[in-house]
């Protein structure tokens, strides 16, 4: 799974937000979550970044899947809750999904 586009964080103090993929409503965990974070330690900031978030999500079920890019607070907050997060401000965003056959050593 790959996402590319603009992420934005508006905050008046130290904040952190996290963008992450889910498949069929559950976060990928095998081999690891697919995520990216944006942190600010300043006051009255409006950070825009072009970002790419990508990774593998193994052992998905056959059939139709629902894939989503979500935004929420970082797992560990250094100060208060997450900031005001935006995705895709004034730009095009792309999600790319590729099905791959990865040998498991017994093939």
N, C-alpha and C. Protein backbone atom coordinates (compact mmCIF):
# COMPACT_ATOMS: atom_id res chain seq x y z
N UNK A 1 0.85 -1.17 0.00
CA UNK A 1 0.00 0.00 0.00
C UNK A 1 0.89 1.23 0.00
N UNK A 2 0.54 2.22 -0.83
CA UNK A 2 1.29 3.47 -0.88
C UNK A 2 0.31 4.63 -0.97
N UNK A 3 0.57 5.66 -0.21
CA UNK A 3 -0.17 6.92 -0.32
C UNK A 3 0.85 8.02 -0.51
N UNK A 4 0.53 8.97 -1.42
CA UNK A 4 1.38 10.14 -1.63
C UNK A 4 0.49 11.36 -1.73
N UNK A 5 0.85 12.42 -1.02
CA UNK A 5 0.08 13.66 -1.07
C UNK A 5 0.52 14.60 0.03
N UNK A 6 -0.29 15.62 0.25
CA UNK A 6 0.01 16.66 1.23
C UNK A 6 -0.61 16.31 2.58
N UNK A 7 0.18 16.45 3.64
CA UNK A 7 -0.37 16.39 4.99
C UNK A 7 -0.11 17.73 5.65
N UNK A 8 -1.02 18.13 6.52
CA UNK A 8 -0.95 19.46 7.12
C UNK A 8 -1.33 19.36 8.59
N UNK A 9 -0.62 20.10 9.42
CA UNK A 9 -0.89 20.14 10.85
C UNK A 9 -0.91 21.59 11.31
N UNK A 10 -2.04 21.99 11.88
CA UNK A 10 -2.20 23.35 12.43
C UNK A 10 -2.29 23.20 13.94
N UNK A 11 -1.49 23.99 14.66
CA UNK A 11 -1.48 23.85 16.11
C UNK A 11 -1.01 25.13 16.77
N UNK A 12 -1.45 25.31 18.01
CA UNK A 12 -1.00 26.46 18.81
C UNK A 12 0.01 26.05 19.87
N UNK A 13 0.35 24.75 19.93
CA UNK A 13 1.34 24.25 20.88
C UNK A 13 1.88 22.92 20.37
N UNK A 14 2.68 22.23 21.16
CA UNK A 14 3.27 20.95 20.76
C UNK A 14 2.17 19.92 20.51
N UNK A 15 2.14 19.37 19.30
CA UNK A 15 1.13 18.39 18.92
C UNK A 15 1.73 17.39 17.94
N UNK A 16 1.06 16.24 17.84
CA UNK A 16 1.50 15.19 16.92
C UNK A 16 0.27 14.49 16.34
N UNK A 17 0.25 14.31 15.03
CA UNK A 17 -0.80 13.54 14.38
C UNK A 17 -0.18 12.43 13.56
N UNK A 18 -0.98 11.40 13.34
CA UNK A 18 -0.53 10.17 12.69
C UNK A 18 -1.49 9.81 11.57
N UNK A 19 -0.96 9.52 10.39
CA UNK A 19 -1.73 9.04 9.25
C UNK A 19 -1.42 7.56 9.11
N UNK A 20 -2.47 6.70 8.96
CA UNK A 20 -2.24 5.26 8.92
C UNK A 20 -3.28 4.56 8.06
N UNK A 21 -2.87 3.43 7.48
CA UNK A 21 -3.76 2.61 6.65
C UNK A 21 -4.54 1.63 7.51
N UNK A 22 -5.80 1.39 7.10
CA UNK A 22 -6.57 0.26 7.61
C UNK A 22 -7.07 -0.55 6.41
N UNK A 23 -7.24 -1.84 6.63
CA UNK A 23 -7.81 -2.74 5.64
C UNK A 23 -8.98 -3.46 6.31
N UNK A 24 -10.15 -3.33 5.71
CA UNK A 24 -11.38 -3.88 6.29
C UNK A 24 -11.58 -3.39 7.73
N UNK A 25 -11.22 -2.14 7.99
CA UNK A 25 -11.45 -1.53 9.29
C UNK A 25 -10.41 -1.81 10.35
N UNK A 26 -9.41 -2.62 10.04
CA UNK A 26 -8.38 -2.95 11.02
C UNK A 26 -7.02 -2.45 10.54
N UNK A 27 -6.23 -1.96 11.47
CA UNK A 27 -4.90 -1.48 11.11
C UNK A 27 -4.00 -2.66 10.76
N UNK A 28 -3.20 -2.50 9.73
CA UNK A 28 -2.24 -3.53 9.36
C UNK A 28 -1.28 -3.76 10.52
N UNK A 29 -0.95 -5.02 10.78
CA UNK A 29 -0.02 -5.32 11.87
C UNK A 29 1.03 -6.35 11.47
N UNK A 30 0.90 -6.91 10.27
CA UNK A 30 1.85 -7.93 9.83
C UNK A 30 2.45 -7.52 8.50
N UNK A 31 3.67 -7.06 8.42
CA UNK A 31 4.67 -7.17 9.48
C UNK A 31 4.67 -6.02 10.49
N UNK A 32 4.05 -4.87 10.17
CA UNK A 32 4.03 -3.72 11.08
C UNK A 32 2.98 -2.73 10.59
N UNK A 33 2.53 -1.79 11.43
CA UNK A 33 1.61 -0.76 10.96
C UNK A 33 2.23 0.04 9.81
N UNK A 34 1.37 0.54 8.94
CA UNK A 34 1.80 1.39 7.83
C UNK A 34 1.36 2.80 8.19
N UNK A 35 2.30 3.64 8.60
CA UNK A 35 1.92 4.96 9.10
C UNK A 35 3.01 6.00 8.88
N UNK A 36 2.64 7.23 9.14
CA UNK A 36 3.56 8.36 9.12
C UNK A 36 3.06 9.37 10.13
N UNK A 37 3.97 10.17 10.71
CA UNK A 37 3.59 11.15 11.72
C UNK A 37 4.12 12.53 11.35
N UNK A 38 3.44 13.53 11.86
CA UNK A 38 3.88 14.92 11.74
C UNK A 38 3.78 15.53 13.12
N UNK A 39 4.91 16.06 13.60
CA UNK A 39 4.99 16.62 14.95
C UNK A 39 5.40 18.09 14.87
N UNK A 40 4.85 18.88 15.76
CA UNK A 40 5.27 20.27 15.87
C UNK A 40 5.53 20.58 17.34
N UNK A 41 6.57 21.35 17.59
CA UNK A 41 6.88 21.77 18.96
C UNK A 41 6.70 23.28 19.11
N UNK A 42 6.19 23.93 18.07
CA UNK A 42 6.09 25.39 18.10
C UNK A 42 4.69 25.90 18.36
N UNK A 43 4.59 27.19 18.50
CA UNK A 43 3.30 27.85 18.70
C UNK A 43 2.82 28.44 17.39
N UNK A 44 1.50 28.37 17.18
CA UNK A 44 0.86 28.96 16.00
C UNK A 44 1.54 28.54 14.70
N UNK A 45 1.61 27.24 14.47
CA UNK A 45 2.24 26.71 13.26
C UNK A 45 1.18 26.18 12.31
N UNK A 46 1.54 26.16 11.04
CA UNK A 46 0.69 25.65 9.97
C UNK A 46 1.62 24.93 9.00
N UNK A 47 1.94 23.67 9.31
CA UNK A 47 2.94 22.89 8.57
C UNK A 47 2.27 22.13 7.43
N UNK A 48 2.81 22.28 6.23
CA UNK A 48 2.40 21.49 5.06
C UNK A 48 3.59 20.66 4.61
N UNK A 49 3.37 19.38 4.32
CA UNK A 49 4.45 18.51 3.85
C UNK A 49 3.90 17.57 2.78
N UNK A 50 4.64 17.42 1.71
CA UNK A 50 4.35 16.34 0.77
C UNK A 50 4.97 15.08 1.37
N UNK A 51 4.18 14.04 1.47
CA UNK A 51 4.63 12.83 2.15
C UNK A 51 4.26 11.58 1.38
N UNK A 52 5.03 10.54 1.59
CA UNK A 52 4.72 9.21 1.08
C UNK A 52 4.68 8.27 2.26
N UNK A 53 3.59 7.53 2.36
CA UNK A 53 3.42 6.52 3.41
C UNK A 53 3.23 5.20 2.70
N UNK A 54 4.13 4.23 2.95
CA UNK A 54 3.96 2.95 2.26
C UNK A 54 4.48 1.80 3.09
N UNK A 55 3.99 0.62 2.76
CA UNK A 55 4.42 -0.59 3.45
C UNK A 55 3.63 -1.79 2.98
N UNK A 56 3.93 -2.92 3.58
CA UNK A 56 3.28 -4.19 3.24
C UNK A 56 2.27 -4.56 4.31
N UNK A 57 1.21 -5.23 3.89
CA UNK A 57 0.21 -5.75 4.80
C UNK A 57 -0.02 -7.21 4.39
N UNK A 58 0.62 -8.12 5.10
CA UNK A 58 0.63 -9.54 4.75
C UNK A 58 -0.65 -10.26 5.16
N UNK A 59 -0.88 -11.39 4.50
CA UNK A 59 -1.94 -12.34 4.86
C UNK A 59 -3.34 -11.73 4.86
N UNK A 60 -3.64 -10.96 3.84
CA UNK A 60 -4.98 -10.40 3.70
C UNK A 60 -5.92 -11.45 3.13
N UNK A 61 -7.19 -11.39 3.47
CA UNK A 61 -8.13 -12.38 2.96
C UNK A 61 -8.39 -12.19 1.46
N UNK A 62 -8.80 -13.24 0.80
CA UNK A 62 -9.18 -13.16 -0.62
C UNK A 62 -10.49 -12.39 -0.73
N UNK A 63 -10.71 -11.77 -1.88
CA UNK A 63 -11.97 -11.09 -2.13
C UNK A 63 -11.83 -9.58 -2.06
N UNK A 64 -12.97 -8.91 -1.99
CA UNK A 64 -13.02 -7.46 -1.96
C UNK A 64 -12.52 -6.93 -0.62
N UNK A 65 -11.66 -5.91 -0.67
CA UNK A 65 -11.11 -5.29 0.53
C UNK A 65 -11.50 -3.82 0.57
N UNK A 66 -11.66 -3.29 1.75
CA UNK A 66 -11.88 -1.85 1.94
C UNK A 66 -10.60 -1.28 2.54
N UNK A 67 -9.94 -0.40 1.78
CA UNK A 67 -8.68 0.21 2.21
C UNK A 67 -8.93 1.68 2.50
N UNK A 68 -8.43 2.16 3.65
CA UNK A 68 -8.63 3.56 4.03
C UNK A 68 -7.34 4.15 4.58
N UNK A 69 -7.15 5.44 4.32
CA UNK A 69 -6.10 6.21 4.97
C UNK A 69 -6.78 7.03 6.06
N UNK A 70 -6.35 6.85 7.29
CA UNK A 70 -6.97 7.49 8.45
C UNK A 70 -6.00 8.49 9.08
N UNK A 71 -6.54 9.41 9.86
CA UNK A 71 -5.69 10.33 10.62
C UNK A 71 -6.20 10.36 12.06
N UNK A 72 -5.27 10.37 12.99
CA UNK A 72 -5.60 10.42 14.40
C UNK A 72 -4.43 10.96 15.19
N UNK A 73 -4.53 10.84 16.50
CA UNK A 73 -3.45 11.30 17.36
C UNK A 73 -2.31 10.29 17.34
N UNK A 74 -1.10 10.78 17.62
CA UNK A 74 0.05 9.88 17.74
C UNK A 74 -0.15 8.96 18.94
N UNK A 75 0.50 7.82 18.90
CA UNK A 75 0.38 6.84 19.98
C UNK A 75 0.85 7.46 21.29
N UNK A 76 1.96 8.19 21.25
CA UNK A 76 2.49 8.86 22.44
C UNK A 76 2.41 10.35 22.21
N UNK A 77 1.62 11.05 23.00
CA UNK A 77 1.50 12.50 22.91
C UNK A 77 2.44 13.14 23.92
N UNK A 78 3.23 14.10 23.46
CA UNK A 78 4.14 14.78 24.37
C UNK A 78 3.45 15.92 25.10
N UNK A 79 2.38 16.44 24.53
CA UNK A 79 1.68 17.56 25.16
C UNK A 79 0.27 17.65 24.61
N UNK A 80 -0.71 17.28 25.40
CA UNK A 80 -2.10 17.43 24.97
C UNK A 80 -2.49 16.48 23.87
N UNK A 81 -3.61 16.78 23.23
CA UNK A 81 -4.16 15.96 22.15
C UNK A 81 -3.52 16.33 20.82
N UNK A 82 -3.92 15.62 19.78
CA UNK A 82 -3.42 15.91 18.44
C UNK A 82 -3.86 17.29 17.96
N UNK A 83 -3.19 17.77 16.94
CA UNK A 83 -3.53 19.06 16.37
C UNK A 83 -4.65 18.95 15.36
N UNK A 84 -4.87 20.02 14.62
CA UNK A 84 -5.88 20.07 13.58
C UNK A 84 -5.24 19.56 12.30
N UNK A 85 -5.48 18.30 11.95
CA UNK A 85 -4.80 17.64 10.84
C UNK A 85 -5.64 17.67 9.57
N UNK A 86 -4.98 17.87 8.44
CA UNK A 86 -5.62 17.88 7.13
C UNK A 86 -4.87 16.93 6.22
N UNK A 87 -5.57 16.40 5.24
CA UNK A 87 -4.97 15.52 4.24
C UNK A 87 -5.33 16.04 2.85
N UNK A 88 -4.32 16.22 1.99
CA UNK A 88 -4.57 16.58 0.60
C UNK A 88 -4.93 18.03 0.34
N UNK A 89 -4.36 18.94 1.07
CA UNK A 89 -4.67 20.37 0.89
C UNK A 89 -4.16 20.88 -0.46
N UNK A 90 -5.08 21.40 -1.28
CA UNK A 90 -4.75 22.08 -2.53
C UNK A 90 -3.84 21.27 -3.44
N UNK A 91 -4.04 19.95 -3.48
CA UNK A 91 -3.20 19.08 -4.30
C UNK A 91 -3.93 17.76 -4.56
N UNK A 92 -3.36 16.97 -5.43
CA UNK A 92 -3.89 15.64 -5.71
C UNK A 92 -3.19 14.63 -4.82
N UNK A 93 -3.95 13.69 -4.29
CA UNK A 93 -3.40 12.60 -3.49
C UNK A 93 -3.62 11.30 -4.24
N UNK A 94 -2.75 10.34 -3.99
CA UNK A 94 -2.84 9.05 -4.67
C UNK A 94 -2.69 7.91 -3.68
N UNK A 95 -3.54 6.90 -3.82
CA UNK A 95 -3.37 5.64 -3.11
C UNK A 95 -3.12 4.58 -4.16
N UNK A 96 -2.05 3.84 -3.97
CA UNK A 96 -1.66 2.77 -4.90
C UNK A 96 -1.68 1.46 -4.13
N UNK A 97 -2.41 0.48 -4.67
CA UNK A 97 -2.47 -0.85 -4.08
C UNK A 97 -1.91 -1.83 -5.08
N UNK A 98 -1.05 -2.70 -4.63
CA UNK A 98 -0.47 -3.70 -5.51
C UNK A 98 -0.53 -5.06 -4.82
N UNK A 99 -1.12 -6.02 -5.51
CA UNK A 99 -1.15 -7.39 -5.00
C UNK A 99 0.16 -8.06 -5.35
N UNK A 100 0.79 -8.68 -4.36
CA UNK A 100 2.10 -9.30 -4.56
C UNK A 100 2.07 -10.72 -4.03
N UNK A 101 2.70 -11.63 -4.76
CA UNK A 101 2.92 -12.98 -4.27
C UNK A 101 4.33 -13.03 -3.70
N UNK A 102 4.42 -13.18 -2.39
CA UNK A 102 5.71 -13.22 -1.73
C UNK A 102 5.97 -14.65 -1.29
N UNK A 103 7.04 -15.26 -1.78
CA UNK A 103 7.34 -16.64 -1.39
C UNK A 103 7.52 -16.75 0.13
N UNK A 104 7.00 -17.83 0.70
CA UNK A 104 7.12 -18.01 2.15
C UNK A 104 8.17 -19.04 2.54
N UNK A 105 8.97 -19.44 1.57
CA UNK A 105 10.04 -20.40 1.86
C UNK A 105 9.63 -21.85 1.68
N UNK A 106 8.34 -22.12 1.51
CA UNK A 106 7.88 -23.50 1.30
C UNK A 106 7.40 -23.70 -0.13
N UNK A 107 7.46 -22.63 -0.93
CA UNK A 107 7.00 -22.73 -2.33
C UNK A 107 8.05 -23.36 -3.21
